[in-house]
Amino acid sequence: MQLFYLPDIIEGSRQLSEEESMHCVRVLRMKEKDMIKIVDGTGGFYTAEIVKADPKKCVFEITESTANFGKRNHHIHIAIAPTKNSDRTEWFLEKAVELGVDEISFIKTEHSERKHINPERFKKIAVSAMKQSVKAWLPVIHELTTLKELMSHTNESQ
């Protein structure tokens, strides 16, 4: 099953982004009247029919929607110090999203070798993993912070 990501679908947008449209129409060769599945990253899972198959602006009409798709009754927040090898950190991020983690915090510790992260790249990896694993929840990815700052935002129950 091929999933498409559209974060602002609730606000009335009925067209895929240019990148998703290109993938849908050019790569997958979908055309008008074909059915597609869309997630919004906040639990919304939609089935839609393509109305206009344009590689720059693929327009669709929602035929079915499910709220809170795959919602669990618990919340998982992982904190990790990024490794020197960015491939390992990206692999971790991908697997954490596939497992259904809700929040990921990157922390800078006393002996951390990586002092910067690329949040845009991490978001792309997370979106790709979410779509590949048929999830409708995109985890919150926090900026790089110190362990002390992270701990100051928690309470005793956490």
C-alpha atoms as a PDB file:
ATOM      1  CA  MET A   1       0.000   0.000   0.000  1.00  0.00           C
ATOM      2  CA  GLN A   2       1.367   3.393  -0.990  1.00  0.00           C
ATOM      3  CA  LEU A   3       0.756   6.192   1.515  1.00  0.00           C
ATOM      4  CA  PHE A   4       0.978   9.924   0.897  1.00  0.00           C
ATOM      5  CA  TYR A   5       1.650  12.547   3.572  1.00  0.00           C
ATOM      6  CA  LEU A   6      -0.338  15.763   3.752  1.00  0.00           C
ATOM      7  CA  PRO A   7      -0.111  17.529   7.126  1.00  0.00           C
ATOM      8  CA  ASP A   8      -2.728  20.228   6.456  1.00  0.00           C
ATOM      9  CA  ILE A   9      -5.493  18.020   5.105  1.00  0.00           C
ATOM     10  CA  ILE A  10      -7.804  18.977   7.993  1.00  0.00           C
ATOM     11  CA  GLU A  11      -7.686  22.662   7.015  1.00  0.00           C
ATOM     12  CA  GLY A  12      -9.321  21.881   3.693  1.00  0.00           C
ATOM     13  CA  SER A  13      -6.398  21.263   1.360  1.00  0.00           C
ATOM     14  CA  ARG A  14      -7.515  18.781  -1.249  1.00  0.00           C
ATOM     15  CA  GLN A  15      -4.314  18.512  -3.254  1.00  0.00           C
ATOM     16  CA  LEU A  16      -1.044  16.752  -2.630  1.00  0.00           C
ATOM     17  CA  SER A  17       2.183  18.711  -2.276  1.00  0.00           C
ATOM     18  CA  GLU A  18       4.267  19.069  -5.430  1.00  0.00           C
ATOM     19  CA  GLU A  19       6.714  16.387  -4.262  1.00  0.00           C
ATOM     20  CA  GLU A  20       3.931  13.933  -3.378  1.00  0.00           C
ATOM     21  CA  SER A  21       2.047  14.772  -6.606  1.00  0.00           C
ATOM     22  CA  MET A  22       5.135  14.029  -8.673  1.00  0.00           C
ATOM     23  CA  HIS A  23       5.597  10.706  -6.916  1.00  0.00           C
ATOM     24  CA  CYS A  24       1.928   9.795  -7.311  1.00  0.00           C
ATOM     25  CA  VAL A  25       1.474  10.736 -10.965  1.00  0.00           C
ATOM     26  CA  ARG A  26       4.916  10.319 -12.547  1.00  0.00           C
ATOM     27  CA  VAL A  27       6.529   7.559 -10.502  1.00  0.00           C
ATOM     28  CA  LEU A  28       3.505   5.430  -9.583  1.00  0.00           C
ATOM     29  CA  ARG A  29       1.616   6.381 -12.780  1.00  0.00           C
ATOM     30  CA  MET A  30      -1.663   6.922 -10.986  1.00  0.00           C
ATOM     31  CA  LYS A  31      -4.436   8.574 -12.920  1.00  0.00           C
ATOM     32  CA  GLU A  32      -7.890  10.021 -12.420  1.00  0.00           C
ATOM     33  CA  LYS A  33     -10.347   7.786 -10.533  1.00  0.00           C
ATOM     34  CA  ASP A  34      -7.482   5.834  -8.886  1.00  0.00           C
ATOM     35  CA  MET A  35      -7.763   5.466  -5.103  1.00  0.00           C
ATOM     36  CA  ILE A  36      -4.986   6.676  -2.786  1.00  0.00           C
ATOM     37  CA  LYS A  37      -4.355   6.541   0.958  1.00  0.00           C
ATOM     38  CA  ILE A  38      -3.271   9.694   2.808  1.00  0.00           C
ATOM     39  CA  VAL A  39      -2.054  10.321   6.377  1.00  0.00           C
ATOM     40  CA  ASP A  40      -1.778  13.670   8.125  1.00  0.00           C
ATOM     41  CA  GLY A  41       0.734  12.787  10.857  1.00  0.00           C
ATOM     42  CA  THR A  42      -1.770  13.467  13.650  1.00  0.00           C
ATOM     43  CA  GLY A  43      -3.746  10.217  13.470  1.00  0.00           C
ATOM     44  CA  GLY A  44      -5.881  10.949  10.414  1.00  0.00           C
ATOM     45  CA  PHE A  45      -6.015   8.201   7.790  1.00  0.00           C
ATOM     46  CA  TYR A  46      -7.890   8.984   4.576  1.00  0.00           C
ATOM     47  CA  THR A  47      -8.940   7.134   1.469  1.00  0.00           C
ATOM     48  CA  ALA A  48      -9.337   9.419  -1.520  1.00  0.00           C
ATOM     49  CA  GLU A  49     -10.060   9.339  -5.230  1.00  0.00           C
ATOM     50  CA  ILE A  50      -7.864  11.266  -7.642  1.00  0.00           C
ATOM     51  CA  VAL A  51      -9.894  13.939  -9.446  1.00  0.00           C
ATOM     52  CA  LYS A  52      -7.083  15.580 -11.401  1.00  0.00           C
ATOM     53  CA  ALA A  53      -3.809  13.732 -11.974  1.00  0.00           C
ATOM     54  CA  ASP A  54      -1.347  16.582 -12.449  1.00  0.00           C
ATOM     55  CA  PRO A  55       2.320  15.977 -11.503  1.00  0.00           C
ATOM     56  CA  LYS A  56       2.530  19.452  -9.932  1.00  0.00           C
ATOM     57  CA  LYS A  57      -0.883  19.517  -8.246  1.00  0.00           C
ATOM     58  CA  CYS A  58      -2.669  16.188  -7.818  1.00  0.00           C
ATOM     59  CA  VAL A  59      -6.226  17.014  -6.724  1.00  0.00           C
ATOM     60  CA  PHE A  60      -8.268  14.440  -4.804  1.00  0.00           C
ATOM     61  CA  GLU A  61     -11.605  13.975  -3.094  1.00  0.00           C
ATOM     62  CA  ILE A  62     -11.836  12.191   0.248  1.00  0.00           C
ATOM     63  CA  THR A  63     -14.142   9.183   0.209  1.00  0.00           C
ATOM     64  CA  GLU A  64     -13.423   7.797   3.685  1.00  0.00           C
ATOM     65  CA  SER A  65     -11.654   9.052   6.784  1.00  0.00           C
ATOM     66  CA  THR A  66     -10.543   7.504  10.060  1.00  0.00           C
ATOM     67  CA  ALA A  67      -9.528   9.608  13.066  1.00  0.00           C
ATOM     68  CA  ASN A  68      -6.943   8.382  15.599  1.00  0.00           C
ATOM     69  CA  PHE A  69      -5.799   5.562  13.325  1.00  0.00           C
ATOM     70  CA  GLY A  70      -3.586   3.214  15.356  1.00  0.00           C
ATOM     71  CA  LYS A  71      -3.816   5.282  18.556  1.00  0.00           C
ATOM     72  CA  ARG A  72      -2.364   3.636  21.628  1.00  0.00           C
ATOM     73  CA  ASN A  73      -3.146   4.218  25.298  1.00  0.00           C
ATOM     74  CA  HIS A  74       0.467   5.023  26.218  1.00  0.00           C
ATOM     75  CA  HIS A  75       3.086   7.626  25.295  1.00  0.00           C
ATOM     76  CA  ILE A  76       6.731   6.833  24.486  1.00  0.00           C
ATOM     77  CA  HIS A  77       9.407   9.542  24.632  1.00  0.00           C
ATOM     78  CA  ILE A  78      13.000   8.563  23.809  1.00  0.00           C
ATOM     79  CA  ALA A  79      16.047  10.711  24.487  1.00  0.00           C
ATOM     80  CA  ILE A  80      19.261   9.868  22.665  1.00  0.00           C
ATOM     81  CA  ALA A  81      22.636  11.458  22.159  1.00  0.00           C
ATOM     82  CA  PRO A  82      23.401  11.513  18.408  1.00  0.00           C
ATOM     83  CA  THR A  83      26.404   9.390  17.483  1.00  0.00           C
ATOM     84  CA  LYS A  84      29.460  10.607  15.616  1.00  0.00           C
ATOM     85  CA  ASN A  85      28.321   8.545  12.632  1.00  0.00           C
ATOM     86  CA  SER A  86      25.152  10.270  11.382  1.00  0.00           C
ATOM     87  CA  ASP A  87      24.041   7.113   9.512  1.00  0.00           C
ATOM     88  CA  ARG A  88      23.519   5.335  12.824  1.00  0.00           C
ATOM     89  CA  THR A  89      21.474   8.205  14.229  1.00  0.00           C
ATOM     90  CA  GLU A  90      19.320   8.274  11.088  1.00  0.00           C
ATOM     91  CA  TRP A  91      18.878   4.490  11.266  1.00  0.00           C
ATOM     92  CA  PHE A  92      17.790   4.816  14.914  1.00  0.00           C
ATOM     93  CA  LEU A  93      15.311   7.559  13.998  1.00  0.00           C
ATOM     94  CA  GLU A  94      13.832   5.420  11.219  1.00  0.00           C
ATOM     95  CA  LYS A  95      13.409   2.371  13.464  1.00  0.00           C
ATOM     96  CA  ALA A  96      11.972   4.432  16.346  1.00  0.00           C
ATOM     97  CA  VAL A  97       9.298   5.865  14.030  1.00  0.00           C
ATOM     98  CA  GLU A  98       8.496   2.418  12.643  1.00  0.00           C
ATOM     99  CA  LEU A  99       8.014   1.143  16.205  1.00  0.00           C
ATOM    100  CA  GLY A 100       5.622   3.989  16.997  1.00  0.00           C
ATOM    101  CA  VAL A 101       7.599   6.297  19.301  1.00  0.00           C
ATOM    102  CA  ASP A 102       5.675   9.512  20.061  1.00  0.00           C
ATOM    103  CA  GLU A 103       8.545  11.901  20.860  1.00  0.00           C
ATOM    104  CA  ILE A 104      12.281  11.869  20.207  1.00  0.00           C
ATOM    105  CA  SER A 105      14.664  14.220  21.977  1.00  0.00           C
ATOM    106  CA  PHE A 106      18.264  14.566  20.884  1.00  0.00           C
ATOM    107  CA  ILE A 107      20.543  15.399  23.789  1.00  0.00           C
ATOM    108  CA  LYS A 108      23.995  16.874  24.042  1.00  0.00           C
ATOM    109  CA  THR A 109      25.988  15.244  26.825  1.00  0.00           C
ATOM    110  CA  GLU A 110      29.401  15.921  28.323  1.00  0.00           C
ATOM    111  CA  HIS A 111      31.128  13.516  25.940  1.00  0.00           C
ATOM    112  CA  SER A 112      28.941  14.039  22.846  1.00  0.00           C
ATOM    113  CA  GLU A 113      30.887  14.273  19.613  1.00  0.00           C
ATOM    114  CA  ARG A 114      28.010  15.646  17.539  1.00  0.00           C
ATOM    115  CA  LYS A 115      27.051  19.199  18.426  1.00  0.00           C
ATOM    116  CA  HIS A 116      24.547  19.875  15.603  1.00  0.00           C
ATOM    117  CA  ILE A 117      21.678  17.997  13.975  1.00  0.00           C
ATOM    118  CA  ASN A 118      19.713  18.671  10.800  1.00  0.00           C
ATOM    119  CA  PRO A 119      16.016  18.833  11.840  1.00  0.00           C
ATOM    120  CA  GLU A 120      14.724  19.101   8.241  1.00  0.00           C
ATOM    121  CA  ARG A 121      16.554  15.908   7.240  1.00  0.00           C
ATOM    122  CA  PHE A 122      15.327  14.134  10.370  1.00  0.00           C
ATOM    123  CA  LYS A 123      11.737  15.150   9.586  1.00  0.00           C
ATOM    124  CA  LYS A 124      12.060  13.753   6.031  1.00  0.00           C
ATOM    125  CA  ILE A 125      13.397  10.470   7.411  1.00  0.00           C
ATOM    126  CA  ALA A 126      10.575  10.321   9.963  1.00  0.00           C
ATOM    127  CA  VAL A 127       7.894  10.998   7.324  1.00  0.00           C
ATOM    128  CA  SER A 128       9.343   8.317   5.059  1.00  0.00           C
ATOM    129  CA  ALA A 129       9.447   5.769   7.911  1.00  0.00           C
ATOM    130  CA  MET A 130       5.898   6.685   8.965  1.00  0.00           C
ATOM    131  CA  LYS A 131       4.564   6.110   5.447  1.00  0.00           C
ATOM    132  CA  GLN A 132       6.537   2.900   4.935  1.00  0.00           C
ATOM    133  CA  SER A 133       5.295   1.378   8.196  1.00  0.00           C
ATOM    134  CA  VAL A 134       1.661   2.495   7.591  1.00  0.00           C
ATOM    135  CA  LYS A 135       1.476   4.722  10.645  1.00  0.00           C
ATOM    136  CA  ALA A 136      -0.686   7.845  10.917  1.00  0.00           C
ATOM    137  CA  TRP A 137       1.250   9.472  13.782  1.00  0.00           C
ATOM    138  CA  LEU A 138       4.395  11.480  13.103  1.00  0.00           C
ATOM    139  CA  PRO A 139       6.538  11.751  16.239  1.00  0.00           C
ATOM    140  CA  VAL A 140       7.581  15.108  17.641  1.00  0.00           C
ATOM    141  CA  ILE A 141      11.310  15.548  17.012  1.00  0.00           C
ATOM    142  CA  HIS A 142      12.874  17.974  19.456  1.00  0.00           C
ATOM    143  CA  GLU A 143      15.911  20.146  18.815  1.00  0.00           C
ATOM    144  CA  LEU A 144      19.288  19.206  20.263  1.00  0.00           C
ATOM    145  CA  THR A 145      19.279  20.111  23.954  1.00  0.00           C
ATOM    146  CA  THR A 146      21.325  19.372  27.030  1.00  0.00           C
ATOM    147  CA  LEU A 147      20.392  16.573  29.384  1.00  0.00           C
ATOM    148  CA  LYS A 148      19.915  19.113  32.182  1.00  0.00           C
ATOM    149  CA  GLU A 149      17.372  21.097  30.102  1.00  0.00           C
ATOM    150  CA  LEU A 150      15.507  17.929  29.145  1.00  0.00           C
ATOM    151  CA  MET A 151      15.266  16.814  32.757  1.00  0.00           C
ATOM    152  CA  SER A 152      14.016  20.241  33.868  1.00  0.00           C
ATOM    153  CA  HIS A 153      10.923  19.815  31.645  1.00  0.00           C
ATOM    154  CA  THR A 154       9.874  16.529  33.215  1.00  0.00           C
ATOM    155  CA  ASN A 155       7.905  15.777  36.355  1.00  0.00           C
ATOM    156  CA  GLU A 156       8.247  12.990  38.916  1.00  0.00           C
ATOM    157  CA  SER A 157       5.767  10.672  37.187  1.00  0.00           C
ATOM    158  CA  GLN A 158       7.851  10.750  33.995  1.00  0.00           C
END
